[in-house]
Every structure is written in structure tokens, then in C-alpha cells.
Amino acid sequence: AAMSRSGGSGDYADFVKGRFTISRDNARNTVALQMNSLKPED
């Protein structure tokens, strides 16, 4: 997954689209990856 410095919804590999979400928290100076519906192949 990736997100430009402009933010937005992010861009995703096909195998994680709909399951993972990238986000920024600029106040905390962090970037997160929320991973749902995890599979063994992850």
C-alpha cells in the first residue's frame, strides 16, 4: 500500500484491496496500515 504526501485514500496491491487501509496521522507523525480479514498468505 502507499499514500502520497497529499493524503487521500491510498493505493493498494490487488491482493490487499478491500482488506487493508493505509492512513496518516500527521499530528502524531505516523503512518498506519490497518489489516483486516488476514490470511495465512499475508
PDB file of all heavy atoms in Angstrom:
ATOM      1  N   ALA A   1       0.843  -1.186   0.000  1.00  0.00           N
ATOM      2  CA  ALA A   1       0.000   0.000   0.000  1.00  0.00           C
ATOM      3  C   ALA A   1       0.878   1.236   0.000  1.00  0.00           C
ATOM      4  O   ALA A   1       2.024   1.198   0.451  1.00  0.00           O
ATOM      5  CB  ALA A   1      -0.933   0.023   1.218  1.00  0.00           C
ATOM      6  N   ALA A   2       0.348   2.342  -0.485  1.00  0.00           N
ATOM      7  CA  ALA A   2       1.076   3.600  -0.484  1.00  0.00           C
ATOM      8  C   ALA A   2       0.117   4.765  -0.398  1.00  0.00           C
ATOM      9  O   ALA A   2      -1.066   4.644  -0.734  1.00  0.00           O
ATOM     10  CB  ALA A   2       1.943   3.733  -1.740  1.00  0.00           C
ATOM     11  N   MET A   3       0.645   5.890   0.040  1.00  0.00           N
ATOM     12  CA  MET A   3      -0.111   7.131   0.080  1.00  0.00           C
ATOM     13  C   MET A   3       0.830   8.279  -0.219  1.00  0.00           C
ATOM     14  O   MET A   3       1.907   8.378   0.358  1.00  0.00           O
ATOM     15  CB  MET A   3      -0.774   7.335   1.441  1.00  0.00           C
ATOM     16  CG  MET A   3      -1.589   8.622   1.529  1.00  0.00           C
ATOM     17  SD  MET A   3      -2.450   8.794   3.112  1.00  0.00           S
ATOM     18  CE  MET A   3      -3.770   7.596   2.895  1.00  0.00           C
ATOM     19  N   SER A   4       0.414   9.158  -1.113  1.00  0.00           N
ATOM     20  CA  SER A   4       1.223  10.318  -1.423  1.00  0.00           C
ATOM     21  C   SER A   4       1.218  11.294  -0.258  1.00  0.00           C
ATOM     22  O   SER A   4       0.404  11.188   0.666  1.00  0.00           O
ATOM     23  CB  SER A   4       0.719  11.010  -2.690  1.00  0.00           C
ATOM     24  OG  SER A   4      -0.415  11.809  -2.409  1.00  0.00           O
ATOM     25  N   ARG A   5       2.124  12.257  -0.318  1.00  0.00           N
ATOM     26  CA  ARG A   5       2.186  13.257   0.745  1.00  0.00           C
ATOM     27  C   ARG A   5       0.939  14.132   0.773  1.00  0.00           C
ATOM     28  O   ARG A   5       0.703  14.828   1.756  1.00  0.00           O
ATOM     29  CB  ARG A   5       3.451  14.106   0.615  1.00  0.00           C
ATOM     30  CG  ARG A   5       3.523  14.937  -0.647  1.00  0.00           C
ATOM     31  CD  ARG A   5       4.969  15.292  -0.978  1.00  0.00           C
ATOM     32  NE  ARG A   5       5.716  14.121  -1.420  1.00  0.00           N
ATOM     33  CZ  ARG A   5       7.029  14.102  -1.641  1.00  0.00           C
ATOM     34  NH1 ARG A   5       7.756  15.199  -1.452  1.00  0.00           N
ATOM     35  NH2 ARG A   5       7.614  12.999  -2.046  1.00  0.00           N
ATOM     36  N   SER A   6       0.154  14.084  -0.283  1.00  0.00           N
ATOM     37  CA  SER A   6      -1.106  14.814  -0.327  1.00  0.00           C
ATOM     38  C   SER A   6      -2.235  14.109   0.415  1.00  0.00           C
ATOM     39  O   SER A   6      -3.302  14.689   0.598  1.00  0.00           O
ATOM     40  CB  SER A   6      -1.527  15.049  -1.779  1.00  0.00           C
ATOM     41  OG  SER A   6      -0.569  15.830  -2.468  1.00  0.00           O
ATOM     42  N   GLY A   7      -2.016  12.881   0.820  1.00  0.00           N
ATOM     43  CA  GLY A   7      -3.033  12.113   1.512  1.00  0.00           C
ATOM     44  C   GLY A   7      -3.973  11.422   0.553  1.00  0.00           C
ATOM     45  O   GLY A   7      -3.566  10.953  -0.511  1.00  0.00           O
ATOM     46  N   GLY A   8      -5.223  11.328   0.935  1.00  0.00           N
ATOM     47  CA  GLY A   8      -6.214  10.653   0.131  1.00  0.00           C
ATOM     48  C   GLY A   8      -6.477   9.251   0.651  1.00  0.00           C
ATOM     49  O   GLY A   8      -6.188   8.923   1.807  1.00  0.00           O
ATOM     50  N   SER A   9      -7.028   8.424  -0.214  1.00  0.00           N
ATOM     51  CA  SER A   9      -7.443   7.078   0.173  1.00  0.00           C
ATOM     52  C   SER A   9      -6.345   6.038   0.048  1.00  0.00           C
ATOM     53  O   SER A   9      -6.490   4.925   0.550  1.00  0.00           O
ATOM     54  CB  SER A   9      -8.652   6.650  -0.652  1.00  0.00           C
ATOM     55  OG  SER A   9      -8.344   6.649  -2.033  1.00  0.00           O
ATOM     56  N   GLY A  10      -5.262   6.380  -0.607  1.00  0.00           N
ATOM     57  CA  GLY A  10      -4.170   5.450  -0.768  1.00  0.00           C
ATOM     58  C   GLY A  10      -4.304   4.591  -2.002  1.00  0.00           C
ATOM     59  O   GLY A  10      -5.325   4.592  -2.703  1.00  0.00           O
ATOM     60  N   ASP A  11      -3.260   3.844  -2.265  1.00  0.00           N
ATOM     61  CA  ASP A  11      -3.185   2.937  -3.401  1.00  0.00           C
ATOM     62  C   ASP A  11      -2.746   1.582  -2.903  1.00  0.00           C
ATOM     63  O   ASP A  11      -1.903   1.482  -2.017  1.00  0.00           O
ATOM     64  CB  ASP A  11      -2.204   3.481  -4.443  1.00  0.00           C
ATOM     65  CG  ASP A  11      -2.638   4.830  -4.992  1.00  0.00           C
ATOM     66  OD1 ASP A  11      -3.554   4.852  -5.826  1.00  0.00           O
ATOM     67  OD2 ASP A  11      -2.075   5.856  -4.551  1.00  0.00           O
ATOM     68  N   TYR A  12      -3.317   0.525  -3.492  1.00  0.00           N
ATOM     69  CA  TYR A  12      -3.181  -0.797  -2.903  1.00  0.00           C
ATOM     70  C   TYR A  12      -2.849  -1.865  -3.932  1.00  0.00           C
ATOM     71  O   TYR A  12      -3.289  -1.799  -5.084  1.00  0.00           O
ATOM     72  CB  TYR A  12      -4.483  -1.194  -2.207  1.00  0.00           C
ATOM     73  CG  TYR A  12      -4.881  -0.230  -1.129  1.00  0.00           C
ATOM     74  CD1 TYR A  12      -5.686   0.866  -1.412  1.00  0.00           C
ATOM     75  CD2 TYR A  12      -4.424  -0.393   0.172  1.00  0.00           C
ATOM     76  CE1 TYR A  12      -6.035   1.775  -0.420  1.00  0.00           C
ATOM     77  CE2 TYR A  12      -4.762   0.505   1.165  1.00  0.00           C
ATOM     78  CZ  TYR A  12      -5.564   1.591   0.867  1.00  0.00           C
ATOM     79  OH  TYR A  12      -5.900   2.485   1.849  1.00  0.00           O
ATOM     80  N   ALA A  13      -2.090  -2.851  -3.485  1.00  0.00           N
ATOM     81  CA  ALA A  13      -1.922  -4.057  -4.272  1.00  0.00           C
ATOM     82  C   ALA A  13      -3.251  -4.788  -4.363  1.00  0.00           C
ATOM     83  O   ALA A  13      -4.079  -4.742  -3.444  1.00  0.00           O
ATOM     84  CB  ALA A  13      -0.873  -4.965  -3.635  1.00  0.00           C
ATOM     85  N   ASP A  14      -3.463  -5.482  -5.477  1.00  0.00           N
ATOM     86  CA  ASP A  14      -4.734  -6.174  -5.679  1.00  0.00           C
ATOM     87  C   ASP A  14      -5.036  -7.170  -4.567  1.00  0.00           C
ATOM     88  O   ASP A  14      -6.200  -7.346  -4.182  1.00  0.00           O
ATOM     89  CB  ASP A  14      -4.730  -6.889  -7.027  1.00  0.00           C
ATOM     90  CG  ASP A  14      -4.845  -5.945  -8.206  1.00  0.00           C
ATOM     91  OD1 ASP A  14      -5.221  -4.773  -8.010  1.00  0.00           O
ATOM     92  OD2 ASP A  14      -4.571  -6.388  -9.336  1.00  0.00           O
ATOM     93  N   PHE A  15      -4.017  -7.808  -4.046  1.00  0.00           N
ATOM     94  CA  PHE A  15      -4.263  -8.873  -3.070  1.00  0.00           C
ATOM     95  C   PHE A  15      -4.643  -8.370  -1.693  1.00  0.00           C
ATOM     96  O   PHE A  15      -5.008  -9.168  -0.828  1.00  0.00           O
ATOM     97  CB  PHE A  15      -3.049  -9.825  -2.990  1.00  0.00           C
ATOM     98  CG  PHE A  15      -1.740  -9.159  -2.722  1.00  0.00           C
ATOM     99  CD1 PHE A  15      -1.365  -8.793  -1.438  1.00  0.00           C
ATOM    100  CD2 PHE A  15      -0.856  -8.910  -3.764  1.00  0.00           C
ATOM    101  CE1 PHE A  15      -0.144  -8.191  -1.194  1.00  0.00           C
ATOM    102  CE2 PHE A  15       0.369  -8.305  -3.529  1.00  0.00           C
ATOM    103  CZ  PHE A  15       0.722  -7.946  -2.243  1.00  0.00           C
ATOM    104  N   VAL A  16      -4.566  -7.046  -1.470  1.00  0.00           N
ATOM    105  CA  VAL A  16      -4.998  -6.499  -0.189  1.00  0.00           C
ATOM    106  C   VAL A  16      -6.142  -5.509  -0.318  1.00  0.00           C
ATOM    107  O   VAL A  16      -6.708  -5.089   0.704  1.00  0.00           O
ATOM    108  CB  VAL A  16      -3.842  -5.840   0.588  1.00  0.00           C
ATOM    109  CG1 VAL A  16      -2.708  -6.829   0.795  1.00  0.00           C
ATOM    110  CG2 VAL A  16      -3.348  -4.581  -0.121  1.00  0.00           C
ATOM    111  N   LYS A  17      -6.492  -5.144  -1.524  1.00  0.00           N
ATOM    112  CA  LYS A  17      -7.525  -4.136  -1.724  1.00  0.00           C
ATOM    113  C   LYS A  17      -8.846  -4.597  -1.106  1.00  0.00           C
ATOM    114  O   LYS A  17      -9.290  -5.718  -1.325  1.00  0.00           O
ATOM    115  CB  LYS A  17      -7.703  -3.846  -3.210  1.00  0.00           C
ATOM    116  CG  LYS A  17      -8.496  -2.583  -3.498  1.00  0.00           C
ATOM    117  CD  LYS A  17      -8.422  -2.211  -4.966  1.00  0.00           C
ATOM    118  CE  LYS A  17      -9.109  -0.888  -5.231  1.00  0.00           C
ATOM    119  NZ  LYS A  17      -8.995  -0.493  -6.663  1.00  0.00           N
ATOM    120  N   GLY A  18      -9.442  -3.718  -0.323  1.00  0.00           N
ATOM    121  CA  GLY A  18     -10.663  -4.058   0.383  1.00  0.00           C
ATOM    122  C   GLY A  18     -10.435  -4.649   1.753  1.00  0.00           C
ATOM    123  O   GLY A  18     -11.388  -4.756   2.541  1.00  0.00           O
ATOM    124  N   ARG A  19      -9.207  -5.040   2.057  1.00  0.00           N
ATOM    125  CA  ARG A  19      -8.879  -5.608   3.359  1.00  0.00           C
ATOM    126  C   ARG A  19      -7.967  -4.698   4.175  1.00  0.00           C
ATOM    127  O   ARG A  19      -8.094  -4.633   5.391  1.00  0.00           O
ATOM    128  CB  ARG A  19      -8.200  -6.971   3.209  1.00  0.00           C
ATOM    129  CG  ARG A  19      -9.064  -8.011   2.523  1.00  0.00           C
ATOM    130  CD  ARG A  19      -8.425  -9.391   2.634  1.00  0.00           C
ATOM    131  NE  ARG A  19      -7.151  -9.466   1.939  1.00  0.00           N
ATOM    132  CZ  ARG A  19      -6.001  -9.860   2.501  1.00  0.00           C
ATOM    133  NH1 ARG A  19      -5.968 -10.216   3.784  1.00  0.00           N
ATOM    134  NH2 ARG A  19      -4.890  -9.916   1.775  1.00  0.00           N
ATOM    135  N   PHE A  20      -7.039  -4.029   3.502  1.00  0.00           N
ATOM    136  CA  PHE A  20      -6.056  -3.183   4.179  1.00  0.00           C
ATOM    137  C   PHE A  20      -6.347  -1.723   3.887  1.00  0.00           C
ATOM    138  O   PHE A  20      -6.824  -1.374   2.807  1.00  0.00           O
ATOM    139  CB  PHE A  20      -4.638  -3.492   3.694  1.00  0.00           C
ATOM    140  CG  PHE A  20      -4.086  -4.838   4.078  1.00  0.00           C
ATOM    141  CD1 PHE A  20      -4.872  -5.826   4.647  1.00  0.00           C
ATOM    142  CD2 PHE A  20      -2.744  -5.117   3.848  1.00  0.00           C
ATOM    143  CE1 PHE A  20      -4.352  -7.061   4.990  1.00  0.00           C
ATOM    144  CE2 PHE A  20      -2.205  -6.341   4.181  1.00  0.00           C
ATOM    145  CZ  PHE A  20      -3.006  -7.317   4.751  1.00  0.00           C
ATOM    146  N   THR A  21      -6.011  -0.870   4.838  1.00  0.00           N
ATOM    147  CA  THR A  21      -6.168   0.566   4.671  1.00  0.00           C
ATOM    148  C   THR A  21      -4.936   1.280   5.194  1.00  0.00           C
ATOM    149  O   THR A  21      -4.517   1.048   6.333  1.00  0.00           O
ATOM    150  CB  THR A  21      -7.404   1.087   5.417  1.00  0.00           C
ATOM    151  OG1 THR A  21      -8.570   0.387   4.981  1.00  0.00           O
ATOM    152  CG2 THR A  21      -7.595   2.579   5.155  1.00  0.00           C
ATOM    153  N   ILE A  22      -4.364   2.142   4.373  1.00  0.00           N
ATOM    154  CA  ILE A  22      -3.254   2.978   4.797  1.00  0.00           C
ATOM    155  C   ILE A  22      -3.798   4.344   5.203  1.00  0.00           C
ATOM    156  O   ILE A  22      -4.738   4.858   4.591  1.00  0.00           O
ATOM    157  CB  ILE A  22      -2.192   3.105   3.682  1.00  0.00           C
ATOM    158  CG1 ILE A  22      -0.959   3.867   4.181  1.00  0.00           C
ATOM    159  CG2 ILE A  22      -2.765   3.743   2.426  1.00  0.00           C
ATOM    160  CD1 ILE A  22       0.202   3.858   3.196  1.00  0.00           C
ATOM    161  N   SER A  23      -3.226   4.918   6.236  1.00  0.00           N
ATOM    162  CA  SER A  23      -3.674   6.219   6.695  1.00  0.00           C
ATOM    163  C   SER A  23      -2.517   6.982   7.311  1.00  0.00           C
ATOM    164  O   SER A  23      -1.501   6.402   7.707  1.00  0.00           O
ATOM    165  CB  SER A  23      -4.824   6.090   7.698  1.00  0.00           C
ATOM    166  OG  SER A  23      -4.405   5.390   8.855  1.00  0.00           O
ATOM    167  N   ARG A  24      -2.689   8.283   7.378  1.00  0.00           N
ATOM    168  CA  ARG A  24      -1.716   9.157   8.015  1.00  0.00           C
ATOM    169  C   ARG A  24      -2.327   9.822   9.238  1.00  0.00           C
ATOM    170  O   ARG A  24      -3.514  10.150   9.246  1.00  0.00           O
ATOM    171  CB  ARG A  24      -1.267  10.270   7.063  1.00  0.00           C
ATOM    172  CG  ARG A  24      -0.455   9.830   5.865  1.00  0.00           C
ATOM    173  CD  ARG A  24      -0.141  11.047   4.999  1.00  0.00           C
ATOM    174  NE  ARG A  24       0.667  10.699   3.838  1.00  0.00           N
ATOM    175  CZ  ARG A  24       1.988  10.731   3.800  1.00  0.00           C
ATOM    176  NH1 ARG A  24       2.684  11.108   4.874  1.00  0.00           N
ATOM    177  NH2 ARG A  24       2.632  10.405   2.690  1.00  0.00           N
ATOM    178  N   ASP A  25      -1.509  10.012  10.243  1.00  0.00           N
ATOM    179  CA  ASP A  25      -1.868  10.861  11.363  1.00  0.00           C
ATOM    180  C   ASP A  25      -0.739  11.869  11.491  1.00  0.00           C
ATOM    181  O   ASP A  25       0.268  11.618  12.144  1.00  0.00           O
ATOM    182  CB  ASP A  25      -2.044  10.056  12.642  1.00  0.00           C
ATOM    183  CG  ASP A  25      -2.579  10.892  13.785  1.00  0.00           C
ATOM    184  OD1 ASP A  25      -2.394  12.126  13.777  1.00  0.00           O
ATOM    185  OD2 ASP A  25      -3.194  10.315  14.699  1.00  0.00           O
ATOM    186  N   ASN A  26      -0.905  12.993  10.829  1.00  0.00           N
ATOM    187  CA  ASN A  26       0.179  13.971  10.788  1.00  0.00           C
ATOM    188  C   ASN A  26       0.466  14.574  12.159  1.00  0.00           C
ATOM    189  O   ASN A  26       1.603  14.953  12.441  1.00  0.00           O
ATOM    190  CB  ASN A  26      -0.150  15.066   9.779  1.00  0.00           C
ATOM    191  CG  ASN A  26      -0.092  14.577   8.349  1.00  0.00           C
ATOM    192  OD1 ASN A  26       0.523  13.549   8.053  1.00  0.00           O
ATOM    193  ND2 ASN A  26      -0.734  15.314   7.455  1.00  0.00           N
ATOM    194  N   ALA A  27      -0.552  14.664  13.005  1.00  0.00           N
ATOM    195  CA  ALA A  27      -0.342  15.203  14.347  1.00  0.00           C
ATOM    196  C   ALA A  27       0.606  14.323  15.154  1.00  0.00           C
ATOM    197  O   ALA A  27       1.377  14.825  15.974  1.00  0.00           O
ATOM    198  CB  ALA A  27      -1.664  15.366  15.069  1.00  0.00           C
ATOM    199  N   ARG A  28       0.539  13.021  14.942  1.00  0.00           N
ATOM    200  CA  ARG A  28       1.419  12.079  15.625  1.00  0.00           C
ATOM    201  C   ARG A  28       2.654  11.731  14.811  1.00  0.00           C
ATOM    202  O   ARG A  28       3.521  10.996  15.287  1.00  0.00           O
ATOM    203  CB  ARG A  28       0.665  10.800  15.962  1.00  0.00           C
ATOM    204  CG  ARG A  28      -0.459  10.986  16.961  1.00  0.00           C
ATOM    205  CD  ARG A  28      -1.131   9.665  17.262  1.00  0.00           C
ATOM    206  NE  ARG A  28      -2.209   9.809  18.221  1.00  0.00           N
ATOM    207  CZ  ARG A  28      -2.960   8.809  18.650  1.00  0.00           C
ATOM    208  NH1 ARG A  28      -2.754   7.576  18.184  1.00  0.00           N
ATOM    209  NH2 ARG A  28      -3.923   9.029  19.524  1.00  0.00           N
ATOM    210  N   ASN A  29       2.714  12.242  13.592  1.00  0.00           N
ATOM    211  CA  ASN A  29       3.818  11.946  12.690  1.00  0.00           C
ATOM    212  C   ASN A  29       3.953  10.431  12.487  1.00  0.00           C
ATOM    213  O   ASN A  29       5.047   9.863  12.584  1.00  0.00           O
ATOM    214  CB  ASN A  29       5.134  12.540  13.205  1.00  0.00           C
ATOM    215  CG  ASN A  29       6.193  12.643  12.136  1.00  0.00           C
ATOM    216  OD1 ASN A  29       5.892  12.813  10.951  1.00  0.00           O
ATOM    217  ND2 ASN A  29       7.459  12.545  12.542  1.00  0.00           N
ATOM    218  N   THR A  30       2.828   9.791  12.206  1.00  0.00           N
ATOM    219  CA  THR A  30       2.809   8.355  11.984  1.00  0.00           C
ATOM    220  C   THR A  30       2.008   8.008  10.738  1.00  0.00           C
ATOM    221  O   THR A  30       1.183   8.785  10.266  1.00  0.00           O
ATOM    222  CB  THR A  30       2.204   7.591  13.173  1.00  0.00           C
ATOM    223  OG1 THR A  30       0.859   8.030  13.391  1.00  0.00           O
ATOM    224  CG2 THR A  30       3.018   7.804  14.438  1.00  0.00           C
ATOM    225  N   VAL A  31       2.268   6.823  10.236  1.00  0.00           N
ATOM    226  CA  VAL A  31       1.506   6.227   9.148  1.00  0.00           C
ATOM    227  C   VAL A  31       1.106   4.836   9.597  1.00  0.00           C
ATOM    228  O   VAL A  31       1.929   4.091  10.132  1.00  0.00           O
ATOM    229  CB  VAL A  31       2.323   6.173   7.853  1.00  0.00           C
ATOM    230  CG1 VAL A  31       1.546   5.447   6.756  1.00  0.00           C
ATOM    231  CG2 VAL A  31       2.682   7.581   7.390  1.00  0.00           C
ATOM    232  N   ALA A  32      -0.156   4.484   9.385  1.00  0.00           N
ATOM    233  CA  ALA A  32      -0.670   3.208   9.832  1.00  0.00           C
ATOM    234  C   ALA A  32      -1.085   2.334   8.658  1.00  0.00           C
ATOM    235  O   ALA A  32      -1.381   2.814   7.567  1.00  0.00           O
ATOM    236  CB  ALA A  32      -1.863   3.412  10.761  1.00  0.00           C
ATOM    237  N   LEU A  33      -1.097   1.042   8.914  1.00  0.00           N
ATOM    238  CA  LEU A  33      -1.665   0.074   7.987  1.00  0.00           C
ATOM    239  C   LEU A  33      -2.633  -0.794   8.782  1.00  0.00           C
ATOM    240  O   LEU A  33      -2.211  -1.609   9.600  1.00  0.00           O
ATOM    241  CB  LEU A  33      -0.585  -0.785   7.340  1.00  0.00           C
ATOM    242  CG  LEU A  33      -1.085  -1.766   6.284  1.00  0.00           C
ATOM    243  CD1 LEU A  33      -1.569  -1.020   5.040  1.00  0.00           C
ATOM    244  CD2 LEU A  33       0.002  -2.773   5.916  1.00  0.00           C
ATOM    245  N   GLN A  34      -3.908  -0.579   8.556  1.00  0.00           N
ATOM    246  CA  GLN A  34      -4.938  -1.397   9.178  1.00  0.00           C
ATOM    247  C   GLN A  34      -5.154  -2.621   8.310  1.00  0.00           C
ATOM    248  O   GLN A  34      -5.480  -2.498   7.129  1.00  0.00           O
ATOM    249  CB  GLN A  34      -6.240  -0.609   9.323  1.00  0.00           C
ATOM    250  CG  GLN A  34      -7.385  -1.400   9.921  1.00  0.00           C
ATOM    251  CD  GLN A  34      -7.151  -1.773  11.363  1.00  0.00           C
ATOM    252  OE1 GLN A  34      -6.694  -0.941  12.142  1.00  0.00           O
ATOM    253  NE2 GLN A  34      -7.433  -3.021  11.716  1.00  0.00           N
ATOM    254  N   MET A  35      -4.994  -3.797   8.884  1.00  0.00           N
ATOM    255  CA  MET A  35      -5.081  -5.050   8.150  1.00  0.00           C
ATOM    256  C   MET A  35      -6.234  -5.859   8.720  1.00  0.00           C
ATOM    257  O   MET A  35      -6.193  -6.287   9.878  1.00  0.00           O
ATOM    258  CB  MET A  35      -3.779  -5.834   8.244  1.00  0.00           C
ATOM    259  CG  MET A  35      -2.558  -5.041   7.791  1.00  0.00           C
ATOM    260  SD  MET A  35      -1.062  -6.058   7.714  1.00  0.00           S
ATOM    261  CE  MET A  35      -0.866  -6.451   9.459  1.00  0.00           C
ATOM    262  N   ASN A  36      -7.245  -6.071   7.914  1.00  0.00           N
ATOM    263  CA  ASN A  36      -8.410  -6.853   8.303  1.00  0.00           C
ATOM    264  C   ASN A  36      -8.498  -8.112   7.454  1.00  0.00           C
ATOM    265  O   ASN A  36      -7.881  -8.217   6.400  1.00  0.00           O
ATOM    266  CB  ASN A  36      -9.686  -6.032   8.135  1.00  0.00           C
ATOM    267  CG  ASN A  36      -9.715  -4.795   8.991  1.00  0.00           C
ATOM    268  OD1 ASN A  36      -9.187  -4.780  10.107  1.00  0.00           O
ATOM    269  ND2 ASN A  36     -10.345  -3.738   8.493  1.00  0.00           N
ATOM    270  N   SER A  37      -9.293  -9.057   7.912  1.00  0.00           N
ATOM    271  CA  SER A  37      -9.516 -10.308   7.184  1.00  0.00           C
ATOM    272  C   SER A  37      -8.208 -10.955   6.772  1.00  0.00           C
ATOM    273  O   SER A  37      -8.024 -11.375   5.625  1.00  0.00           O
ATOM    274  CB  SER A  37     -10.401 -10.052   5.957  1.00  0.00           C
ATOM    275  OG  SER A  37     -11.641  -9.495   6.331  1.00  0.00           O
ATOM    276  N   LEU A  38      -7.304 -11.051   7.715  1.00  0.00           N
ATOM    277  CA  LEU A  38      -5.968 -11.554   7.413  1.00  0.00           C
ATOM    278  C   LEU A  38      -5.996 -13.017   7.007  1.00  0.00           C
ATOM    279  O   LEU A  38      -6.793 -13.810   7.513  1.00  0.00           O
ATOM    280  CB  LEU A  38      -5.053 -11.349   8.606  1.00  0.00           C
ATOM    281  CG  LEU A  38      -4.556  -9.908   8.765  1.00  0.00           C
ATOM    282  CD1 LEU A  38      -4.040  -9.672  10.172  1.00  0.00           C
ATOM    283  CD2 LEU A  38      -3.471  -9.605   7.741  1.00  0.00           C
ATOM    284  N   LYS A  39      -5.111 -13.347   6.096  1.00  0.00           N
ATOM    285  CA  LYS A  39      -4.978 -14.689   5.557  1.00  0.00           C
ATOM    286  C   LYS A  39      -3.588 -15.229   5.865  1.00  0.00           C
ATOM    287  O   LYS A  39      -2.644 -14.458   6.009  1.00  0.00           O
ATOM    288  CB  LYS A  39      -5.176 -14.674   4.035  1.00  0.00           C
ATOM    289  CG  LYS A  39      -6.473 -14.040   3.568  1.00  0.00           C
ATOM    290  CD  LYS A  39      -6.497 -13.932   2.050  1.00  0.00           C
ATOM    291  CE  LYS A  39      -7.770 -13.281   1.562  1.00  0.00           C
ATOM    292  NZ  LYS A  39      -7.781 -13.156   0.079  1.00  0.00           N
ATOM    293  N   PRO A  40      -3.437 -16.549   5.933  1.00  0.00           N
ATOM    294  CA  PRO A  40      -2.097 -17.095   6.165  1.00  0.00           C
ATOM    295  C   PRO A  40      -1.062 -16.592   5.162  1.00  0.00           C
ATOM    296  O   PRO A  40       0.103 -16.401   5.531  1.00  0.00           O
ATOM    297  CB  PRO A  40      -2.312 -18.604   6.049  1.00  0.00           C
ATOM    298  CG  PRO A  40      -3.717 -18.796   6.502  1.00  0.00           C
ATOM    299  CD  PRO A  40      -4.467 -17.597   5.970  1.00  0.00           C
ATOM    300  N   GLU A  41      -1.457 -16.368   3.926  1.00  0.00           N
ATOM    301  CA  GLU A  41      -0.526 -15.882   2.925  1.00  0.00           C
ATOM    302  C   GLU A  41      -0.100 -14.433   3.136  1.00  0.00           C
ATOM    303  O   GLU A  41       0.791 -13.941   2.436  1.00  0.00           O
ATOM    304  CB  GLU A  41      -1.089 -16.063   1.506  1.00  0.00           C
ATOM    305  CG  GLU A  41      -2.475 -15.475   1.312  1.00  0.00           C
ATOM    306  CD  GLU A  41      -3.581 -16.513   1.452  1.00  0.00           C
ATOM    307  OE1 GLU A  41      -3.518 -17.332   2.391  1.00  0.00           O
ATOM    308  OE2 GLU A  41      -4.507 -16.504   0.617  1.00  0.00           O
ATOM    309  N   ASP A  42      -0.711 -13.738   4.095  1.00  0.00           N
ATOM    310  CA  ASP A  42      -0.247 -12.411   4.476  1.00  0.00           C
ATOM    311  C   ASP A  42       0.965 -12.468   5.394  1.00  0.00           C
ATOM    312  O   ASP A  42       1.549 -11.424   5.702  1.00  0.00           O
ATOM    313  CB  ASP A  42      -1.361 -11.628   5.171  1.00  0.00           C
ATOM    314  CG  ASP A  42      -2.524 -11.307   4.248  1.00  0.00           C
ATOM    315  OD1 ASP A  42      -2.285 -10.971   3.074  1.00  0.00           O
ATOM    316  OD2 ASP A  42      -3.677 -11.387   4.716  1.00  0.00           O
TER     317      ASP A  42
END
